Amino acid sequence: MDAIRVVDIIDEETFRLLPPCADPGFDHRSCDYWEDADRGAKSARRAWLHSGAGRGEAESPSTRPRPVNPFLADLETAVAPAANPFAAARPNPFLSPGEDDDDAPSPSLNPFAPPPRDRPKVDQTAPRKLQLLARGLGVAGSYAKVLLRNDVPAAYMQFGPLTAYPRAQRTRDLYPALPDAPLPAVITCVATTPEARHLGLARQLVEVVCEELEARGFTAVETYPEIGAAPDATSAASPAFWETAGFTRAIDDARFPVMRRELG
């Protein structure tokens, strides 16, 4: 009997559990296809897999050299204005005698209110894809799960609110007949390693994700497979797969059908 365990992607340790794509031209760990409606790509961006990686290979605004402004030369070489001898430092009227500003309690701490919750988050130096997957940690939870079979990564799924995936929103906007209140959750990616296929593991992961999305308050979940794509090149499986997982065709489009499952 195989030991099955599902892990949330919440930090760099669990992020490293994402299994490699069956097609070496793609990479789950760097794919931003669904998060970026205009520039999203399925192809691997190796720089995004390491701590401190930014948005692609382009320089950030803070590191990009500033152009020289010939009209600021005089200002840049000017001497700083002299201190005003008539402007004395004003004391803080709310301090007790003998107390200075360094001794005063922080104004952000309210002794009559409960302390703020320490919400989970990842560091800004974390791999870019991990930062995208962790955006919901402080609100609802992780946006990705990995299924382990005998402690070996076997299946992967990415999901979350529609607002987290602009390309999914753009696809959905093509079909005004779809209900828009309340908005559904979406499953954008599902994948199984070649060694673990035809064992029903992806369907098991679908059930785990749907149960969690229902617990988060969603009443429906949608996914948008691409008709005609190679099995290893598509991120959202096929309509036939989703039908075995309890989804129905809400929109029967020839290229991008909408598969929907009611929750609850």
C-alpha atoms as a PDB file:
ATOM      1  CA  MET A   1       0.000   0.000   0.000  1.00  0.00           C
ATOM      2  CA  ASP A   2       1.408   3.375  -1.050  1.00  0.00           C
ATOM      3  CA  ALA A   3       1.728   6.106   1.569  1.00  0.00           C
ATOM      4  CA  ILE A   4       0.007   9.240   0.239  1.00  0.00           C
ATOM      5  CA  ARG A   5       0.633  12.670   1.758  1.00  0.00           C
ATOM      6  CA  VAL A   6      -0.375  16.139   0.508  1.00  0.00           C
ATOM      7  CA  VAL A   7       1.878  19.107   1.302  1.00  0.00           C
ATOM      8  CA  ASP A   8       1.111  22.837   1.038  1.00  0.00           C
ATOM      9  CA  ILE A   9       3.685  24.988  -0.744  1.00  0.00           C
ATOM     10  CA  ILE A  10       4.449  27.586   1.922  1.00  0.00           C
ATOM     11  CA  ASP A  11       8.241  28.033   2.053  1.00  0.00           C
ATOM     12  CA  GLU A  12      11.450  27.250   0.182  1.00  0.00           C
ATOM     13  CA  GLU A  13      11.656  23.734   1.631  1.00  0.00           C
ATOM     14  CA  THR A  14       8.213  22.743   0.333  1.00  0.00           C
ATOM     15  CA  PHE A  15       8.773  24.729  -2.868  1.00  0.00           C
ATOM     16  CA  ARG A  16      11.633  22.370  -3.708  1.00  0.00           C
ATOM     17  CA  LEU A  17       9.117  19.496  -3.708  1.00  0.00           C
ATOM     18  CA  LEU A  18       7.506  20.684  -6.938  1.00  0.00           C
ATOM     19  CA  PRO A  19       8.132  17.831  -9.390  1.00  0.00           C
ATOM     20  CA  PRO A  20       9.828  18.584 -12.713  1.00  0.00           C
ATOM     21  CA  CYS A  21       7.683  18.928 -15.812  1.00  0.00           C
ATOM     22  CA  ALA A  22       7.477  15.915 -18.109  1.00  0.00           C
ATOM     23  CA  ASP A  23       8.357  18.283 -20.960  1.00  0.00           C
ATOM     24  CA  PRO A  24      11.810  19.772 -20.235  1.00  0.00           C
ATOM     25  CA  GLY A  25      10.828  22.939 -22.107  1.00  0.00           C
ATOM     26  CA  PHE A  26       8.517  23.918 -19.238  1.00  0.00           C
ATOM     27  CA  ASP A  27       8.917  24.237 -15.483  1.00  0.00           C
ATOM     28  CA  HIS A  28       6.176  24.487 -12.843  1.00  0.00           C
ATOM     29  CA  ARG A  29       8.601  26.261 -10.522  1.00  0.00           C
ATOM     30  CA  SER A  30       9.076  29.201 -12.874  1.00  0.00           C
ATOM     31  CA  CYS A  31       5.899  29.251 -14.984  1.00  0.00           C
ATOM     32  CA  ASP A  32       4.032  32.551 -14.644  1.00  0.00           C
ATOM     33  CA  TYR A  33       1.579  31.841 -17.459  1.00  0.00           C
ATOM     34  CA  TRP A  34      -1.557  32.309 -15.363  1.00  0.00           C
ATOM     35  CA  GLU A  35      -0.317  35.062 -13.045  1.00  0.00           C
ATOM     36  CA  ASP A  36       0.708  37.464 -15.822  1.00  0.00           C
ATOM     37  CA  ALA A  37      -1.951  37.968 -18.485  1.00  0.00           C
ATOM     38  CA  ASP A  38       0.326  39.917 -20.852  1.00  0.00           C
ATOM     39  CA  ARG A  39       3.820  38.495 -20.430  1.00  0.00           C
ATOM     40  CA  GLY A  40       3.223  35.162 -18.736  1.00  0.00           C
ATOM     41  CA  ALA A  41       5.253  32.242 -20.054  1.00  0.00           C
ATOM     42  CA  LYS A  42       5.260  28.480 -19.546  1.00  0.00           C
ATOM     43  CA  SER A  43       8.899  28.196 -20.541  1.00  0.00           C
ATOM     44  CA  ALA A  44      11.460  27.849 -17.767  1.00  0.00           C
ATOM     45  CA  ARG A  45      13.099  30.984 -16.361  1.00  0.00           C
ATOM     46  CA  ARG A  46      16.103  29.537 -14.553  1.00  0.00           C
ATOM     47  CA  ALA A  47      16.867  32.759 -12.682  1.00  0.00           C
ATOM     48  CA  TRP A  48      13.480  32.561 -10.959  1.00  0.00           C
ATOM     49  CA  LEU A  49      14.396  29.338  -9.146  1.00  0.00           C
ATOM     50  CA  HIS A  50      16.940  30.905  -6.804  1.00  0.00           C
ATOM     51  CA  SER A  51      16.598  33.129  -3.775  1.00  0.00           C
ATOM     52  CA  GLY A  52      16.772  36.793  -4.607  1.00  0.00           C
ATOM     53  CA  ALA A  53      15.521  36.308  -8.182  1.00  0.00           C
ATOM     54  CA  GLY A  54      13.440  39.198  -9.462  1.00  0.00           C
ATOM     55  CA  ARG A  55      10.930  39.599 -12.247  1.00  0.00           C
ATOM     56  CA  GLY A  56      12.926  38.021 -15.038  1.00  0.00           C
ATOM     57  CA  GLU A  57      16.378  39.010 -16.117  1.00  0.00           C
ATOM     58  CA  ALA A  58      15.718  42.737 -16.463  1.00  0.00           C
ATOM     59  CA  GLU A  59      17.309  45.148 -14.041  1.00  0.00           C
ATOM     60  CA  SER A  60      15.149  46.429 -11.243  1.00  0.00           C
ATOM     61  CA  PRO A  61      14.472  50.175 -11.107  1.00  0.00           C
ATOM     62  CA  SER A  62      16.724  50.489  -8.064  1.00  0.00           C
ATOM     63  CA  THR A  63      19.741  48.954  -9.845  1.00  0.00           C
ATOM     64  CA  ARG A  64      19.237  50.574 -13.242  1.00  0.00           C
ATOM     65  CA  PRO A  65      21.746  53.461 -13.747  1.00  0.00           C
ATOM     66  CA  ARG A  66      20.161  56.898 -13.616  1.00  0.00           C
ATOM     67  CA  PRO A  67      20.682  59.134 -16.653  1.00  0.00           C
ATOM     68  CA  VAL A  68      22.691  62.281 -16.110  1.00  0.00           C
ATOM     69  CA  ASN A  69      20.580  65.421 -16.065  1.00  0.00           C
ATOM     70  CA  PRO A  70      22.681  68.354 -17.362  1.00  0.00           C
ATOM     71  CA  PHE A  71      20.280  70.854 -15.784  1.00  0.00           C
ATOM     72  CA  LEU A  72      20.900  69.527 -12.260  1.00  0.00           C
ATOM     73  CA  ALA A  73      24.690  69.976 -12.295  1.00  0.00           C
ATOM     74  CA  ASP A  74      24.571  73.246 -10.352  1.00  0.00           C
ATOM     75  CA  LEU A  75      22.178  71.824  -7.765  1.00  0.00           C
ATOM     76  CA  GLU A  76      24.193  68.662  -7.212  1.00  0.00           C
ATOM     77  CA  THR A  77      27.362  70.646  -6.507  1.00  0.00           C
ATOM     78  CA  ALA A  78      25.658  73.278  -4.388  1.00  0.00           C
ATOM     79  CA  VAL A  79      26.526  73.463  -0.702  1.00  0.00           C
ATOM     80  CA  ALA A  80      23.803  72.286   1.657  1.00  0.00           C
ATOM     81  CA  PRO A  81      21.914  75.198   3.236  1.00  0.00           C
ATOM     82  CA  ALA A  82      23.229  76.368   6.577  1.00  0.00           C
ATOM     83  CA  ALA A  83      21.334  75.431   9.698  1.00  0.00           C
ATOM     84  CA  ASN A  84      18.837  77.989  10.984  1.00  0.00           C
ATOM     85  CA  PRO A  85      20.173  79.229  14.363  1.00  0.00           C
ATOM     86  CA  PHE A  86      16.724  80.549  15.314  1.00  0.00           C
ATOM     87  CA  ALA A  87      14.943  77.195  14.846  1.00  0.00           C
ATOM     88  CA  ALA A  88      15.309  75.432  18.171  1.00  0.00           C
ATOM     89  CA  ALA A  89      14.222  71.823  18.582  1.00  0.00           C
ATOM     90  CA  ARG A  90      10.678  71.633  19.922  1.00  0.00           C
ATOM     91  CA  PRO A  91      10.188  69.241  22.860  1.00  0.00           C
ATOM     92  CA  ASN A  92       7.466  66.607  22.795  1.00  0.00           C
ATOM     93  CA  PRO A  93       4.701  67.985  25.110  1.00  0.00           C
ATOM     94  CA  PHE A  94       3.313  64.468  25.752  1.00  0.00           C
ATOM     95  CA  LEU A  95       6.454  63.126  27.453  1.00  0.00           C
ATOM     96  CA  SER A  96       6.828  62.904  31.221  1.00  0.00           C
ATOM     97  CA  PRO A  97       9.582  64.981  32.905  1.00  0.00           C
ATOM     98  CA  GLY A  98      12.973  63.362  32.333  1.00  0.00           C
ATOM     99  CA  GLU A  99      11.662  61.144  29.504  1.00  0.00           C
ATOM    100  CA  ASP A 100      12.870  61.459  25.938  1.00  0.00           C
ATOM    101  CA  ASP A 101      11.485  60.195  22.629  1.00  0.00           C
ATOM    102  CA  ASP A 102      13.616  57.053  22.694  1.00  0.00           C
ATOM    103  CA  ASP A 103      11.997  55.987  25.984  1.00  0.00           C
ATOM    104  CA  ALA A 104       8.434  56.559  24.808  1.00  0.00           C
ATOM    105  CA  PRO A 105       6.328  53.533  23.809  1.00  0.00           C
ATOM    106  CA  SER A 106       5.763  52.964  20.102  1.00  0.00           C
ATOM    107  CA  PRO A 107       2.598  54.742  18.913  1.00  0.00           C
ATOM    108  CA  SER A 108       1.691  51.670  16.836  1.00  0.00           C
ATOM    109  CA  LEU A 109       1.139  49.552  19.976  1.00  0.00           C
ATOM    110  CA  ASN A 110      -2.301  49.856  21.527  1.00  0.00           C
ATOM    111  CA  PRO A 111      -2.277  48.417  25.081  1.00  0.00           C
ATOM    112  CA  PHE A 112      -6.077  48.003  24.955  1.00  0.00           C
ATOM    113  CA  ALA A 113      -6.128  46.005  21.697  1.00  0.00           C
ATOM    114  CA  PRO A 114      -4.951  42.444  21.065  1.00  0.00           C
ATOM    115  CA  PRO A 115      -1.474  42.268  19.493  1.00  0.00           C
ATOM    116  CA  PRO A 116      -1.457  42.038  15.705  1.00  0.00           C
ATOM    117  CA  ARG A 117      -1.340  38.532  14.293  1.00  0.00           C
ATOM    118  CA  ASP A 118       1.959  37.402  12.846  1.00  0.00           C
ATOM    119  CA  ARG A 119       0.699  36.342   9.412  1.00  0.00           C
ATOM    120  CA  PRO A 120       2.743  33.751   7.518  1.00  0.00           C
ATOM    121  CA  LYS A 121       4.693  35.058   4.552  1.00  0.00           C
ATOM    122  CA  VAL A 122       7.823  34.371   2.549  1.00  0.00           C
ATOM    123  CA  ASP A 123      10.847  36.608   2.384  1.00  0.00           C
ATOM    124  CA  GLN A 124      11.187  39.081  -0.473  1.00  0.00           C
ATOM    125  CA  THR A 125      14.378  37.296  -1.514  1.00  0.00           C
ATOM    126  CA  ALA A 126      12.517  33.998  -2.080  1.00  0.00           C
ATOM    127  CA  PRO A 127      12.275  32.602  -5.624  1.00  0.00           C
ATOM    128  CA  ARG A 128       9.844  34.633  -7.694  1.00  0.00           C
ATOM    129  CA  LYS A 129       7.417  31.755  -8.298  1.00  0.00           C
ATOM    130  CA  LEU A 130       7.285  31.002  -4.578  1.00  0.00           C
ATOM    131  CA  GLN A 131       6.411  34.643  -3.911  1.00  0.00           C
ATOM    132  CA  LEU A 132       3.490  34.332  -6.328  1.00  0.00           C
ATOM    133  CA  LEU A 133       2.252  31.119  -4.730  1.00  0.00           C
ATOM    134  CA  ALA A 134       2.549  32.609  -1.239  1.00  0.00           C
ATOM    135  CA  ARG A 135       0.454  35.731  -1.834  1.00  0.00           C
ATOM    136  CA  GLY A 136      -2.538  34.206  -0.075  1.00  0.00           C
ATOM    137  CA  LEU A 137      -0.750  32.820   2.968  1.00  0.00           C
ATOM    138  CA  GLY A 138      -1.791  35.655   5.258  1.00  0.00           C
ATOM    139  CA  VAL A 139      -5.419  35.580   4.094  1.00  0.00           C
ATOM    140  CA  ALA A 140      -6.655  32.125   3.084  1.00  0.00           C
ATOM    141  CA  GLY A 141      -3.726  29.786   2.620  1.00  0.00           C
ATOM    142  CA  SER A 142      -1.376  28.351   0.045  1.00  0.00           C
ATOM    143  CA  TYR A 143      -2.061  28.489  -3.692  1.00  0.00           C
ATOM    144  CA  ALA A 144      -0.355  25.159  -4.457  1.00  0.00           C
ATOM    145  CA  LYS A 145      -0.114  21.588  -3.200  1.00  0.00           C
ATOM    146  CA  VAL A 146       2.133  18.627  -3.947  1.00  0.00           C
ATOM    147  CA  LEU A 147       1.032  15.022  -3.494  1.00  0.00           C
ATOM    148  CA  LEU A 148       3.778  12.734  -2.226  1.00  0.00           C
ATOM    149  CA  ARG A 149       3.672   9.017  -2.956  1.00  0.00           C
ATOM    150  CA  ASN A 150       5.960   7.177  -0.565  1.00  0.00           C
ATOM    151  CA  ASP A 151       7.584  10.569   0.160  1.00  0.00           C
ATOM    152  CA  VAL A 152       8.358  11.114  -3.542  1.00  0.00           C
ATOM    153  CA  PRO A 153       6.646  14.069  -5.324  1.00  0.00           C
ATOM    154  CA  ALA A 154       4.099  12.583  -7.721  1.00  0.00           C
ATOM    155  CA  ALA A 155       1.474  15.246  -8.493  1.00  0.00           C
ATOM    156  CA  TYR A 156       1.180  19.032  -8.363  1.00  0.00           C
ATOM    157  CA  MET A 157      -1.769  21.420  -8.381  1.00  0.00           C
ATOM    158  CA  GLN A 158      -2.027  25.220  -8.446  1.00  0.00           C
ATOM    159  CA  PHE A 159      -5.274  26.968  -7.507  1.00  0.00           C
ATOM    160  CA  GLY A 160      -6.764  29.950  -5.712  1.00  0.00           C
ATOM    161  CA  PRO A 161      -9.086  32.910  -6.166  1.00  0.00           C
ATOM    162  CA  LEU A 162      -9.774  34.177  -9.662  1.00  0.00           C
ATOM    163  CA  THR A 163      -8.194  37.529  -8.757  1.00  0.00           C
ATOM    164  CA  ALA A 164      -4.792  35.848  -8.396  1.00  0.00           C
ATOM    165  CA  TYR A 165      -4.757  34.680 -12.024  1.00  0.00           C
ATOM    166  CA  PRO A 166      -5.303  37.464 -14.594  1.00  0.00           C
ATOM    167  CA  ARG A 167      -5.118  35.097 -17.584  1.00  0.00           C
ATOM    168  CA  ALA A 168      -7.886  32.960 -16.097  1.00  0.00           C
ATOM    169  CA  GLN A 169      -9.959  36.114 -15.623  1.00  0.00           C
ATOM    170  CA  ARG A 170      -9.303  37.089 -19.244  1.00  0.00           C
ATOM    171  CA  THR A 171     -10.367  33.647 -20.463  1.00  0.00           C
ATOM    172  CA  ARG A 172     -13.505  33.793 -18.352  1.00  0.00           C
ATOM    173  CA  ASP A 173     -14.393  37.241 -19.678  1.00  0.00           C
ATOM    174  CA  LEU A 174     -14.902  35.670 -23.111  1.00  0.00           C
ATOM    175  CA  TYR A 175     -18.046  33.956 -21.839  1.00  0.00           C
ATOM    176  CA  PRO A 176     -20.578  36.404 -20.344  1.00  0.00           C
ATOM    177  CA  ALA A 177     -23.023  33.549 -19.786  1.00  0.00           C
ATOM    178  CA  LEU A 178     -20.938  32.281 -16.876  1.00  0.00           C
ATOM    179  CA  PRO A 179     -22.243  33.231 -13.414  1.00  0.00           C
ATOM    180  CA  ASP A 180     -20.225  36.069 -11.906  1.00  0.00           C
ATOM    181  CA  ALA A 181     -21.626  36.209  -8.386  1.00  0.00           C
ATOM    182  CA  PRO A 182     -20.101  34.807  -6.359  1.00  0.00           C
ATOM    183  CA  LEU A 183     -16.880  34.394  -8.324  1.00  0.00           C
ATOM    184  CA  PRO A 184     -15.482  30.847  -8.409  1.00  0.00           C
ATOM    185  CA  ALA A 185     -12.100  29.593  -7.346  1.00  0.00           C
ATOM    186  CA  VAL A 186      -9.899  28.330 -10.163  1.00  0.00           C
ATOM    187  CA  ILE A 187      -7.514  25.438 -10.676  1.00  0.00           C
ATOM    188  CA  THR A 188      -4.905  26.610 -13.161  1.00  0.00           C
ATOM    189  CA  CYS A 189      -2.389  23.761 -13.182  1.00  0.00           C
ATOM    190  CA  VAL A 190      -2.428  20.034 -12.597  1.00  0.00           C
ATOM    191  CA  ALA A 191       0.425  17.676 -13.374  1.00  0.00           C
ATOM    192  CA  THR A 192       1.537  14.134 -12.598  1.00  0.00           C
ATOM    193  CA  THR A 193       5.042  12.779 -12.997  1.00  0.00           C
ATOM    194  CA  PRO A 194       5.429  10.138 -15.751  1.00  0.00           C
ATOM    195  CA  GLU A 195       6.257   7.450 -13.161  1.00  0.00           C
ATOM    196  CA  ALA A 196       3.023   8.091 -11.220  1.00  0.00           C
ATOM    197  CA  ARG A 197       0.490   8.274 -14.029  1.00  0.00           C
ATOM    198  CA  HIS A 198      -2.680   6.163 -14.326  1.00  0.00           C
ATOM    199  CA  LEU A 199      -2.824   5.639 -10.551  1.00  0.00           C
ATOM    200  CA  GLY A 200      -5.598   8.156  -9.845  1.00  0.00           C
ATOM    201  CA  LEU A 201      -3.278  10.450  -7.895  1.00  0.00           C
ATOM    202  CA  ALA A 202      -4.255  13.633  -9.737  1.00  0.00           C
ATOM    203  CA  ARG A 203      -7.935  12.928  -9.025  1.00  0.00           C
ATOM    204  CA  GLN A 204      -7.074  12.419  -5.353  1.00  0.00           C
ATOM    205  CA  LEU A 205      -5.385  15.800  -5.336  1.00  0.00           C
ATOM    206  CA  VAL A 206      -8.421  17.376  -7.004  1.00  0.00           C
ATOM    207  CA  GLU A 207     -10.610  16.125  -4.161  1.00  0.00           C
ATOM    208  CA  VAL A 208      -8.242  17.505  -1.516  1.00  0.00           C
ATOM    209  CA  VAL A 209      -8.131  20.910  -3.230  1.00  0.00           C
ATOM    210  CA  CYS A 210     -11.903  21.073  -3.731  1.00  0.00           C
ATOM    211  CA  GLU A 211     -12.511  20.262  -0.063  1.00  0.00           C
ATOM    212  CA  GLU A 212     -10.134  23.026   0.979  1.00  0.00           C
ATOM    213  CA  LEU A 213     -11.631  25.575  -1.425  1.00  0.00           C
ATOM    214  CA  GLU A 214     -15.067  24.811  -0.016  1.00  0.00           C
ATOM    215  CA  ALA A 215     -13.705  25.320   3.499  1.00  0.00           C
ATOM    216  CA  ARG A 216     -12.355  28.705   2.349  1.00  0.00           C
ATOM    217  CA  GLY A 217     -15.888  29.750   1.394  1.00  0.00           C
ATOM    218  CA  PHE A 218     -15.995  29.127  -2.354  1.00  0.00           C
ATOM    219  CA  THR A 219     -19.166  27.663  -3.840  1.00  0.00           C
ATOM    220  CA  ALA A 220     -17.713  26.609  -7.195  1.00  0.00           C
ATOM    221  CA  VAL A 221     -14.389  25.943  -8.892  1.00  0.00           C
ATOM    222  CA  GLU A 222     -13.497  26.259 -12.569  1.00  0.00           C
ATOM    223  CA  THR A 223     -10.620  25.241 -14.798  1.00  0.00           C
ATOM    224  CA  TYR A 224      -9.764  26.053 -18.412  1.00  0.00           C
ATOM    225  CA  PRO A 225      -8.127  23.218 -20.375  1.00  0.00           C
ATOM    226  CA  GLU A 226      -6.805  23.783 -23.874  1.00  0.00           C
ATOM    227  CA  ILE A 227      -8.136  21.525 -26.620  1.00  0.00           C
ATOM    228  CA  GLY A 228      -5.480  20.108 -28.941  1.00  0.00           C
ATOM    229  CA  ALA A 229      -2.427  20.795 -26.778  1.00  0.00           C
ATOM    230  CA  ALA A 230       0.110  18.028 -26.229  1.00  0.00           C
ATOM    231  CA  PRO A 231      -0.513  16.214 -22.912  1.00  0.00           C
ATOM    232  CA  ASP A 232       2.840  17.352 -21.485  1.00  0.00           C
ATOM    233  CA  ALA A 233       2.504  20.907 -22.781  1.00  0.00           C
ATOM    234  CA  THR A 234      -0.867  21.811 -21.291  1.00  0.00           C
ATOM    235  CA  SER A 235      -1.159  23.028 -17.713  1.00  0.00           C
ATOM    236  CA  ALA A 236      -4.851  22.259 -17.190  1.00  0.00           C
ATOM    237  CA  ALA A 237      -5.191  18.641 -18.393  1.00  0.00           C
ATOM    238  CA  SER A 238      -8.134  17.734 -20.647  1.00  0.00           C
ATOM    239  CA  PRO A 239     -11.931  17.991 -20.386  1.00  0.00           C
ATOM    240  CA  ALA A 240     -12.126  14.196 -20.123  1.00  0.00           C
ATOM    241  CA  PHE A 241      -9.932  14.256 -17.009  1.00  0.00           C
ATOM    242  CA  TRP A 242     -12.048  16.908 -15.320  1.00  0.00           C
ATOM    243  CA  GLU A 243     -15.253  15.016 -16.110  1.00  0.00           C
ATOM    244  CA  THR A 244     -13.886  12.020 -14.168  1.00  0.00           C
ATOM    245  CA  ALA A 245     -13.330  14.423 -11.246  1.00  0.00           C
ATOM    246  CA  GLY A 246     -16.935  15.626 -11.121  1.00  0.00           C
ATOM    247  CA  PHE A 247     -16.671  18.677 -13.390  1.00  0.00           C
ATOM    248  CA  THR A 248     -19.092  19.502 -16.191  1.00  0.00           C
ATOM    249  CA  ARG A 249     -18.702  21.642 -19.306  1.00  0.00           C
ATOM    250  CA  ALA A 250     -20.111  25.022 -18.371  1.00  0.00           C
ATOM    251  CA  ILE A 251     -18.922  26.332 -21.761  1.00  0.00           C
ATOM    252  CA  ASP A 252     -18.322  23.875 -24.604  1.00  0.00           C
ATOM    253  CA  ASP A 253     -15.827  25.916 -26.585  1.00  0.00           C
ATOM    254  CA  ALA A 254     -13.786  24.294 -29.366  1.00  0.00           C
ATOM    255  CA  ARG A 255     -10.495  25.695 -27.999  1.00  0.00           C
ATOM    256  CA  PHE A 256     -10.895  26.699 -24.339  1.00  0.00           C
ATOM    257  CA  PRO A 257     -13.914  25.007 -22.742  1.00  0.00           C
ATOM    258  CA  VAL A 258     -14.810  25.965 -19.196  1.00  0.00           C
ATOM    259  CA  MET A 259     -15.020  23.057 -16.774  1.00  0.00           C
ATOM    260  CA  ARG A 260     -16.971  23.786 -13.595  1.00  0.00           C
ATOM    261  CA  ARG A 261     -17.777  21.952 -10.393  1.00  0.00           C
ATOM    262  CA  GLU A 262     -20.229  23.144  -7.773  1.00  0.00           C
ATOM    263  CA  LEU A 263     -18.958  22.827  -4.208  1.00  0.00           C
ATOM    264  CA  GLY A 264     -20.969  21.950  -1.149  1.00  0.00           C
END
